[in-house]
Protein backbone atom coordinates (compact mmCIF):
# COMPACT_ATOMS: atom_id res chain seq x y z
CA UNK A 1 0.00 0.00 0.00
CA UNK A 2 1.46 3.38 -1.00
CA UNK A 3 2.04 6.01 1.71
CA UNK A 4 -0.82 8.18 0.41
CA UNK A 5 -3.23 5.24 0.62
CA UNK A 6 -2.11 4.52 4.19
CA UNK A 7 -2.62 8.13 5.22
CA UNK A 8 -5.99 8.32 3.47
CA UNK A 9 -7.04 5.17 5.34
CA UNK A 10 -5.87 6.76 8.60
CA UNK A 11 -8.02 9.87 8.07
CA UNK A 12 -11.07 7.83 7.06
CA UNK A 13 -10.84 5.71 10.23
CA UNK A 14 -10.24 8.67 12.54
CA UNK A 15 -13.61 10.16 13.41
CA UNK A 16 -14.60 12.21 16.44
CA UNK A 17 -12.55 13.48 19.36
CA UNK A 18 -12.27 11.30 22.44
CA UNK A 19 -10.96 12.12 25.90
CA UNK A 20 -7.59 10.68 24.82
CA UNK A 21 -7.25 11.79 21.19
CA UNK A 22 -7.78 14.84 19.00
CA UNK A 23 -9.36 13.99 15.68
CA UNK A 24 -9.84 16.93 13.36
CA UNK A 25 -9.39 19.57 16.06
CA UNK A 26 -8.43 23.01 14.71
CA UNK A 27 -4.66 23.52 14.57
CA UNK A 28 -4.01 27.25 14.92
CA UNK A 29 -0.41 27.40 13.60
CA UNK A 30 0.30 30.26 16.04
CA UNK A 31 4.07 29.94 15.58
CA UNK A 32 3.65 30.08 11.77
CA UNK A 33 5.64 26.88 11.31
CA UNK A 34 3.32 25.91 8.45
CA UNK A 35 2.37 28.22 5.56
CA UNK A 36 -0.04 30.96 6.65
CA UNK A 37 -3.69 29.95 6.24
CA UNK A 38 -6.93 31.20 7.81
CA UNK A 39 -7.76 29.74 11.22
CA UNK A 40 -9.78 26.57 10.78
CA UNK A 41 -8.07 25.36 7.60
CA UNK A 42 -5.53 23.22 9.45
CA UNK A 43 -6.83 20.25 11.43
CA UNK A 44 -4.74 18.06 13.74
CA UNK A 45 -4.91 14.32 14.22
CA UNK A 46 -3.08 12.60 17.07
CA UNK A 47 -1.16 9.50 16.06
CA UNK A 48 -1.91 7.60 19.28
CA UNK A 49 -3.13 9.96 22.03
CA UNK A 50 -3.05 13.60 23.17
CA UNK A 51 0.20 13.21 25.12
CA UNK A 52 2.06 11.72 22.13
CA UNK A 53 4.04 14.51 20.40
CA UNK A 54 3.51 12.88 16.97
CA UNK A 55 0.67 14.43 14.99
CA UNK A 56 -0.64 14.78 11.49
CA UNK A 57 -1.89 18.19 10.40
CA UNK A 58 -4.04 18.41 7.29
CA UNK A 59 -4.80 21.46 5.19
CA UNK A 60 -8.50 20.91 4.61
CA UNK A 61 -8.54 23.11 1.48
CA UNK A 62 -5.52 21.80 -0.42
CA UNK A 63 -5.36 18.29 1.06
CA UNK A 64 -1.68 18.74 2.01
CA UNK A 65 -0.66 16.65 5.02
CA UNK A 66 2.17 17.44 7.41
CA UNK A 67 3.74 15.26 10.10
CA UNK A 68 5.44 16.33 13.34
CA UNK A 69 7.32 14.30 15.92
CA UNK A 70 7.91 17.25 18.27
CA UNK A 71 4.39 18.51 18.95
CA UNK A 72 4.38 21.10 16.18
CA UNK A 73 7.83 22.67 16.52
CA UNK A 74 8.77 21.34 13.09
CA UNK A 75 6.90 19.59 10.27
CA UNK A 76 7.58 17.42 7.26
CA UNK A 77 5.17 17.65 4.33
CA UNK A 78 4.22 14.08 3.49
CA UNK A 79 1.34 14.49 1.03
CA UNK A 80 0.75 17.20 -1.57
PDB file of N, CA and C in Angstrom:
ATOM      1  N   UNK A   1       0.853  -1.175   0.000  1.00  0.00           N
ATOM      2  CA  UNK A   1       0.000   0.000   0.000  1.00  0.00           C
ATOM      3  C   UNK A   1       0.905   1.245   0.000  1.00  0.00           C
ATOM      4  N   UNK A   2       0.672   2.160  -0.899  1.00  0.00           N
ATOM      5  CA  UNK A   2       1.460   3.384  -0.996  1.00  0.00           C
ATOM      6  C   UNK A   2       1.204   4.273   0.224  1.00  0.00           C
ATOM      7  N   UNK A   3       2.161   5.147   0.526  1.00  0.00           N
ATOM      8  CA  UNK A   3       2.040   6.010   1.706  1.00  0.00           C
ATOM      9  C   UNK A   3       0.766   6.848   1.666  1.00  0.00           C
ATOM     10  N   UNK A   4       0.399   7.377   0.497  1.00  0.00           N
ATOM     11  CA  UNK A   4      -0.822   8.181   0.412  1.00  0.00           C
ATOM     12  C   UNK A   4      -2.040   7.340   0.773  1.00  0.00           C
ATOM     13  N   UNK A   5      -2.092   6.107   0.302  1.00  0.00           N
ATOM     14  CA  UNK A   5      -3.233   5.239   0.617  1.00  0.00           C
ATOM     15  C   UNK A   5      -3.295   4.947   2.115  1.00  0.00           C
ATOM     16  N   UNK A   6      -2.141   4.768   2.742  1.00  0.00           N
ATOM     17  CA  UNK A   6      -2.109   4.519   4.187  1.00  0.00           C
ATOM     18  C   UNK A   6      -2.624   5.735   4.947  1.00  0.00           C
ATOM     19  N   UNK A   7      -2.191   6.916   4.531  1.00  0.00           N
ATOM     20  CA  UNK A   7      -2.617   8.132   5.215  1.00  0.00           C
ATOM     21  C   UNK A   7      -4.102   8.378   4.975  1.00  0.00           C
ATOM     22  N   UNK A   8      -4.574   8.153   3.766  1.00  0.00           N
ATOM     23  CA  UNK A   8      -5.995   8.321   3.467  1.00  0.00           C
ATOM     24  C   UNK A   8      -6.819   7.377   4.329  1.00  0.00           C
ATOM     25  N   UNK A   9      -6.361   6.138   4.484  1.00  0.00           N
ATOM     26  CA  UNK A   9      -7.043   5.167   5.337  1.00  0.00           C
ATOM     27  C   UNK A   9      -7.087   5.689   6.771  1.00  0.00           C
ATOM     28  N   UNK A  10      -5.966   6.231   7.242  1.00  0.00           N
ATOM     29  CA  UNK A  10      -5.871   6.760   8.598  1.00  0.00           C
ATOM     30  C   UNK A  10      -6.938   7.826   8.830  1.00  0.00           C
ATOM     31  N   UNK A  11      -7.046   8.794   7.900  1.00  0.00           N
ATOM     32  CA  UNK A  11      -8.019   9.871   8.068  1.00  0.00           C
ATOM     33  C   UNK A  11      -9.452   9.355   7.980  1.00  0.00           C
ATOM     34  N   UNK A  12      -9.711   8.373   7.171  1.00  0.00           N
ATOM     35  CA  UNK A  12     -11.066   7.827   7.057  1.00  0.00           C
ATOM     36  C   UNK A  12     -11.478   7.114   8.335  1.00  0.00           C
ATOM     37  N   UNK A  13     -10.532   6.459   9.006  1.00  0.00           N
ATOM     38  CA  UNK A  13     -10.838   5.709  10.231  1.00  0.00           C
ATOM     39  C   UNK A  13     -10.927   6.611  11.455  1.00  0.00           C
ATOM     40  N   UNK A  14     -10.278   7.766  11.395  1.00  0.00           N
ATOM     41  CA  UNK A  14     -10.240   8.672  12.537  1.00  0.00           C
ATOM     42  C   UNK A  14     -11.471   9.569  12.499  1.00  0.00           C
ATOM     43  N   UNK A  15     -12.409   9.322  13.372  1.00  0.00           N
ATOM     44  CA  UNK A  15     -13.608  10.155  13.412  1.00  0.00           C
ATOM     45  C   UNK A  15     -13.948  10.494  14.854  1.00  0.00           C
ATOM     46  N   UNK A  16     -14.143  11.763  15.130  1.00  0.00           N
ATOM     47  CA  UNK A  16     -14.601  12.207  16.437  1.00  0.00           C
ATOM     48  C   UNK A  16     -13.534  12.244  17.510  1.00  0.00           C
ATOM     49  N   UNK A  17     -13.461  13.367  18.230  1.00  0.00           N
ATOM     50  CA  UNK A  17     -12.549  13.476  19.363  1.00  0.00           C
ATOM     51  C   UNK A  17     -12.979  12.519  20.467  1.00  0.00           C
ATOM     52  N   UNK A  18     -12.005  12.071  21.227  1.00  0.00           N
ATOM     53  CA  UNK A  18     -12.274  11.300  22.438  1.00  0.00           C
ATOM     54  C   UNK A  18     -11.534  11.991  23.568  1.00  0.00           C
ATOM     55  N   UNK A  19     -11.673  11.503  24.781  1.00  0.00           N
ATOM     56  CA  UNK A  19     -10.958  12.116  25.904  1.00  0.00           C
ATOM     57  C   UNK A  19      -9.452  11.930  25.769  1.00  0.00           C
ATOM     58  N   UNK A  20      -9.014  10.980  24.959  1.00  0.00           N
ATOM     59  CA  UNK A  20      -7.595  10.680  24.824  1.00  0.00           C
ATOM     60  C   UNK A  20      -6.981  11.110  23.499  1.00  0.00           C
ATOM     61  N   UNK A  21      -7.784  11.530  22.536  1.00  0.00           N
ATOM     62  CA  UNK A  21      -7.249  11.789  21.194  1.00  0.00           C
ATOM     63  C   UNK A  21      -7.995  12.924  20.508  1.00  0.00           C
ATOM     64  N   UNK A  22      -7.207  13.808  19.852  1.00  0.00           N
ATOM     65  CA  UNK A  22      -7.783  14.844  18.998  1.00  0.00           C
ATOM     66  C   UNK A  22      -7.922  14.296  17.593  1.00  0.00           C
ATOM     67  N   UNK A  23      -9.096  14.445  17.043  1.00  0.00           N
ATOM     68  CA  UNK A  23      -9.362  13.987  15.684  1.00  0.00           C
ATOM     69  C   UNK A  23     -10.040  15.127  14.938  1.00  0.00           C
ATOM     70  N   UNK A  24      -9.264  15.839  14.130  1.00  0.00           N
ATOM     71  CA  UNK A  24      -9.836  16.932  13.360  1.00  0.00           C
ATOM     72  C   UNK A  24     -10.006  18.222  14.128  1.00  0.00           C
ATOM     73  N   UNK A  25      -9.367  18.337  15.275  1.00  0.00           N
ATOM     74  CA  UNK A  25      -9.390  19.569  16.063  1.00  0.00           C
ATOM     75  C   UNK A  25      -8.648  20.667  15.289  1.00  0.00           C
ATOM     76  N   UNK A  26      -9.084  21.901  15.406  1.00  0.00           N
ATOM     77  CA  UNK A  26      -8.428  23.010  14.714  1.00  0.00           C
ATOM     78  C   UNK A  26      -6.993  23.146  15.212  1.00  0.00           C
ATOM     79  N   UNK A  27      -6.062  23.229  14.266  1.00  0.00           N
ATOM     80  CA  UNK A  27      -4.662  23.517  14.573  1.00  0.00           C
ATOM     81  C   UNK A  27      -4.422  24.964  14.186  1.00  0.00           C
ATOM     82  N   UNK A  28      -4.069  25.802  15.135  1.00  0.00           N
ATOM     83  CA  UNK A  28      -4.009  27.247  14.924  1.00  0.00           C
ATOM     84  C   UNK A  28      -2.734  27.750  14.264  1.00  0.00           C
ATOM     85  N   UNK A  29      -1.655  26.990  14.250  1.00  0.00           N
ATOM     86  CA  UNK A  29      -0.406  27.402  13.603  1.00  0.00           C
ATOM     87  C   UNK A  29       0.057  28.760  14.131  1.00  0.00           C
ATOM     88  N   UNK A  30      -0.034  28.963  15.437  1.00  0.00           N
ATOM     89  CA  UNK A  30       0.297  30.255  16.041  1.00  0.00           C
ATOM     90  C   UNK A  30       1.767  30.631  15.880  1.00  0.00           C
ATOM     91  N   UNK A  31       2.644  29.656  15.770  1.00  0.00           N
ATOM     92  CA  UNK A  31       4.071  29.941  15.579  1.00  0.00           C
ATOM     93  C   UNK A  31       4.436  30.073  14.104  1.00  0.00           C
ATOM     94  N   UNK A  32       3.455  29.975  13.225  1.00  0.00           N
ATOM     95  CA  UNK A  32       3.652  30.082  11.772  1.00  0.00           C
ATOM     96  C   UNK A  32       4.716  29.118  11.247  1.00  0.00           C
ATOM     97  N   UNK A  33       4.721  27.911  11.785  1.00  0.00           N
ATOM     98  CA  UNK A  33       5.641  26.876  11.312  1.00  0.00           C
ATOM     99  C   UNK A  33       5.195  26.386   9.935  1.00  0.00           C
ATOM    100  N   UNK A  34       3.894  26.302   9.740  1.00  0.00           N
ATOM    101  CA  UNK A  34       3.325  25.912   8.448  1.00  0.00           C
ATOM    102  C   UNK A  34       3.010  27.178   7.648  1.00  0.00           C
ATOM    103  N   UNK A  35       2.759  27.039   6.352  1.00  0.00           N
ATOM    104  CA  UNK A  35       2.367  28.216   5.558  1.00  0.00           C
ATOM    105  C   UNK A  35       1.133  28.893   6.166  1.00  0.00           C
ATOM    106  N   UNK A  36       1.084  30.207   6.079  1.00  0.00           N
ATOM    107  CA  UNK A  36      -0.044  30.964   6.654  1.00  0.00           C
ATOM    108  C   UNK A  36      -1.339  30.607   5.934  1.00  0.00           C
ATOM    109  N   UNK A  37      -2.352  30.283   6.738  1.00  0.00           N
ATOM    110  CA  UNK A  37      -3.685  29.953   6.238  1.00  0.00           C
ATOM    111  C   UNK A  37      -4.680  30.514   7.252  1.00  0.00           C
ATOM    112  N   UNK A  38      -5.919  30.737   6.852  1.00  0.00           N
ATOM    113  CA  UNK A  38      -6.932  31.201   7.810  1.00  0.00           C
ATOM    114  C   UNK A  38      -7.142  30.163   8.920  1.00  0.00           C
ATOM    115  N   UNK A  39      -7.479  30.651  10.115  1.00  0.00           N
ATOM    116  CA  UNK A  39      -7.763  29.735  11.224  1.00  0.00           C
ATOM    117  C   UNK A  39      -8.918  28.827  10.830  1.00  0.00           C
ATOM    118  N   UNK A  40      -8.759  27.557  11.100  1.00  0.00           N
ATOM    119  CA  UNK A  40      -9.782  26.566  10.781  1.00  0.00           C
ATOM    120  C   UNK A  40      -9.436  25.715   9.578  1.00  0.00           C
ATOM    121  N   UNK A  41      -8.460  26.147   8.782  1.00  0.00           N
ATOM    122  CA  UNK A  41      -8.074  25.365   7.596  1.00  0.00           C
ATOM    123  C   UNK A  41      -7.245  24.152   8.003  1.00  0.00           C
ATOM    124  N   UNK A  42      -6.350  24.335   8.985  1.00  0.00           N
ATOM    125  CA  UNK A  42      -5.526  23.221   9.448  1.00  0.00           C
ATOM    126  C   UNK A  42      -6.249  22.454  10.537  1.00  0.00           C
ATOM    127  N   UNK A  43      -6.229  21.132  10.423  1.00  0.00           N
ATOM    128  CA  UNK A  43      -6.829  20.252  11.434  1.00  0.00           C
ATOM    129  C   UNK A  43      -5.777  19.254  11.887  1.00  0.00           C
ATOM    130  N   UNK A  44      -5.742  18.978  13.203  1.00  0.00           N
ATOM    131  CA  UNK A  44      -4.740  18.061  13.736  1.00  0.00           C
ATOM    132  C   UNK A  44      -5.353  16.717  14.094  1.00  0.00           C
ATOM    133  N   UNK A  45      -4.527  15.706  13.956  1.00  0.00           N
ATOM    134  CA  UNK A  45      -4.914  14.325  14.223  1.00  0.00           C
ATOM    135  C   UNK A  45      -3.797  13.674  15.026  1.00  0.00           C
ATOM    136  N   UNK A  46      -4.078  13.270  16.255  1.00  0.00           N
ATOM    137  CA  UNK A  46      -3.079  12.596  17.075  1.00  0.00           C
ATOM    138  C   UNK A  46      -2.796  11.218  16.509  1.00  0.00           C
ATOM    139  N   UNK A  47      -1.532  10.821  16.553  1.00  0.00           N
ATOM    140  CA  UNK A  47      -1.165   9.495  16.060  1.00  0.00           C
ATOM    141  C   UNK A  47      -1.666   8.423  17.020  1.00  0.00           C
ATOM    142  N   UNK A  48      -1.426   8.591  18.313  1.00  0.00           N
ATOM    143  CA  UNK A  48      -1.910   7.604  19.278  1.00  0.00           C
ATOM    144  C   UNK A  48      -2.805   8.223  20.345  1.00  0.00           C
ATOM    145  N   UNK A  49      -2.339   9.301  20.992  1.00  0.00           N
ATOM    146  CA  UNK A  49      -3.126   9.959  22.028  1.00  0.00           C
ATOM    147  C   UNK A  49      -2.653  11.398  22.191  1.00  0.00           C
ATOM    148  N   UNK A  50      -3.351  12.177  23.022  1.00  0.00           N
ATOM    149  CA  UNK A  50      -3.047  13.603  23.170  1.00  0.00           C
ATOM    150  C   UNK A  50      -1.645  13.859  23.705  1.00  0.00           C
ATOM    151  N   UNK A  51      -1.120  12.978  24.533  1.00  0.00           N
ATOM    152  CA  UNK A  51       0.204  13.206  25.121  1.00  0.00           C
ATOM    153  C   UNK A  51       1.340  12.810  24.180  1.00  0.00           C
ATOM    154  N   UNK A  52       1.040  12.097  23.127  1.00  0.00           N
ATOM    155  CA  UNK A  52       2.056  11.716  22.133  1.00  0.00           C
ATOM    156  C   UNK A  52       2.402  12.947  21.297  1.00  0.00           C
ATOM    157  N   UNK A  53       3.684  13.321  21.172  1.00  0.00           N
ATOM    158  CA  UNK A  53       4.044  14.514  20.400  1.00  0.00           C
ATOM    159  C   UNK A  53       3.891  14.345  18.889  1.00  0.00           C
ATOM    160  N   UNK A  54       3.666  13.115  18.413  1.00  0.00           N
ATOM    161  CA  UNK A  54       3.512  12.882  16.973  1.00  0.00           C
ATOM    162  C   UNK A  54       2.082  13.213  16.549  1.00  0.00           C
ATOM    163  N   UNK A  55       1.991  14.029  15.499  1.00  0.00           N
ATOM    164  CA  UNK A  55       0.671  14.430  14.995  1.00  0.00           C
ATOM    165  C   UNK A  55       0.712  14.592  13.485  1.00  0.00           C
ATOM    166  N   UNK A  56      -0.432  14.410  12.882  1.00  0.00           N
ATOM    167  CA  UNK A  56      -0.642  14.783  11.490  1.00  0.00           C
ATOM    168  C   UNK A  56      -1.422  16.090  11.503  1.00  0.00           C
ATOM    169  N   UNK A  57      -1.108  16.975  10.590  1.00  0.00           N
ATOM    170  CA  UNK A  57      -1.893  18.191  10.399  1.00  0.00           C
ATOM    171  C   UNK A  57      -2.270  18.238   8.927  1.00  0.00           C
ATOM    172  N   UNK A  58      -3.547  18.423   8.671  1.00  0.00           N
ATOM    173  CA  UNK A  58      -4.043  18.409   7.293  1.00  0.00           C
ATOM    174  C   UNK A  58      -4.616  19.765   6.928  1.00  0.00           C
ATOM    175  N   UNK A  59      -4.208  20.253   5.759  1.00  0.00           N
ATOM    176  CA  UNK A  59      -4.796  21.464   5.190  1.00  0.00           C
ATOM    177  C   UNK A  59      -6.092  21.016   4.521  1.00  0.00           C
ATOM    178  N   UNK A  60      -7.212  21.409   5.078  1.00  0.00           N
ATOM    179  CA  UNK A  60      -8.496  20.913   4.606  1.00  0.00           C
ATOM    180  C   UNK A  60      -8.906  21.505   3.262  1.00  0.00           C
ATOM    181  N   UNK A  61      -8.238  22.549   2.799  1.00  0.00           N
ATOM    182  CA  UNK A  61      -8.541  23.110   1.478  1.00  0.00           C
ATOM    183  C   UNK A  61      -7.703  22.459   0.389  1.00  0.00           C
ATOM    184  N   UNK A  62      -6.410  22.337   0.622  1.00  0.00           N
ATOM    185  CA  UNK A  62      -5.521  21.803  -0.419  1.00  0.00           C
ATOM    186  C   UNK A  62      -5.345  20.288  -0.329  1.00  0.00           C
ATOM    187  N   UNK A  63      -5.582  19.715   0.856  1.00  0.00           N
ATOM    188  CA  UNK A  63      -5.360  18.293   1.062  1.00  0.00           C
ATOM    189  C   UNK A  63      -3.936  17.965   1.486  1.00  0.00           C
ATOM    190  N   UNK A  64      -3.055  18.979   1.571  1.00  0.00           N
ATOM    191  CA  UNK A  64      -1.678  18.739   2.006  1.00  0.00           C
ATOM    192  C   UNK A  64      -1.690  18.189   3.431  1.00  0.00           C
ATOM    193  N   UNK A  65      -0.767  17.254   3.694  1.00  0.00           N
ATOM    194  CA  UNK A  65      -0.656  16.651   5.018  1.00  0.00           C
ATOM    195  C   UNK A  65       0.768  16.826   5.509  1.00  0.00           C
ATOM    196  N   UNK A  66       0.887  17.234   6.762  1.00  0.00           N
ATOM    197  CA  UNK A  66       2.174  17.444   7.414  1.00  0.00           C
ATOM    198  C   UNK A  66       2.260  16.507   8.619  1.00  0.00           C
ATOM    199  N   UNK A  67       3.499  16.151   8.972  1.00  0.00           N
ATOM    200  CA  UNK A  67       3.737  15.259  10.102  1.00  0.00           C
ATOM    201  C   UNK A  67       4.744  15.917  11.035  1.00  0.00           C
ATOM    202  N   UNK A  68       4.502  15.824  12.343  1.00  0.00           N
ATOM    203  CA  UNK A  68       5.436  16.327  13.342  1.00  0.00           C
ATOM    204  C   UNK A  68       5.714  15.250  14.376  1.00  0.00           C
ATOM    205  N   UNK A  69       6.949  15.203  14.826  1.00  0.00           N
ATOM    206  CA  UNK A  69       7.324  14.296  15.916  1.00  0.00           C
ATOM    207  C   UNK A  69       7.620  15.070  17.189  1.00  0.00           C
ATOM    208  N   UNK A  70       7.541  16.421  17.119  1.00  0.00           N
ATOM    209  CA  UNK A  70       7.913  17.247  18.268  1.00  0.00           C
ATOM    210  C   UNK A  70       6.789  18.211  18.667  1.00  0.00           C
ATOM    211  N   UNK A  71       5.581  17.755  18.532  1.00  0.00           N
ATOM    212  CA  UNK A  71       4.389  18.505  18.954  1.00  0.00           C
ATOM    213  C   UNK A  71       4.250  19.854  18.256  1.00  0.00           C
ATOM    214  N   UNK A  72       4.626  19.916  16.978  1.00  0.00           N
ATOM    215  CA  UNK A  72       4.381  21.099  16.181  1.00  0.00           C
ATOM    216  C   UNK A  72       5.518  22.094  16.100  1.00  0.00           C
ATOM    217  N   UNK A  73       6.682  21.759  16.633  1.00  0.00           N
ATOM    218  CA  UNK A  73       7.829  22.668  16.523  1.00  0.00           C
ATOM    219  C   UNK A  73       8.435  22.629  15.125  1.00  0.00           C
ATOM    220  N   UNK A  74       8.306  21.487  14.465  1.00  0.00           N
ATOM    221  CA  UNK A  74       8.767  21.337  13.086  1.00  0.00           C
ATOM    222  C   UNK A  74       7.864  20.340  12.379  1.00  0.00           C
ATOM    223  N   UNK A  75       7.773  20.461  11.073  1.00  0.00           N
ATOM    224  CA  UNK A  75       6.898  19.594  10.272  1.00  0.00           C
ATOM    225  C   UNK A  75       7.609  19.104   9.027  1.00  0.00           C
ATOM    226  N   UNK A  76       7.163  17.962   8.551  1.00  0.00           N
ATOM    227  CA  UNK A  76       7.583  17.424   7.259  1.00  0.00           C
ATOM    228  C   UNK A  76       6.315  17.265   6.438  1.00  0.00           C
ATOM    229  N   UNK A  77       6.323  17.803   5.225  1.00  0.00           N
ATOM    230  CA  UNK A  77       5.171  17.651   4.333  1.00  0.00           C
ATOM    231  C   UNK A  77       5.233  16.253   3.744  1.00  0.00           C
ATOM    232  N   UNK A  78       4.187  15.470   3.948  1.00  0.00           N
ATOM    233  CA  UNK A  78       4.224  14.085   3.488  1.00  0.00           C
ATOM    234  C   UNK A  78       3.256  13.809   2.337  1.00  0.00           C
ATOM    235  N   UNK A  79       2.272  14.661   2.142  1.00  0.00           N
ATOM    236  CA  UNK A  79       1.340  14.488   1.027  1.00  0.00           C
ATOM    237  C   UNK A  79       1.033  15.854   0.449  1.00  0.00           C
ATOM    238  N   UNK A  80       1.127  15.966  -0.880  1.00  0.00           N
ATOM    239  CA  UNK A  80       0.753  17.198  -1.571  1.00  0.00           C
ATOM    240  C   UNK A  80      -0.494  16.947  -2.389  1.00  0.00           C
TER     241      UNK A  80
END
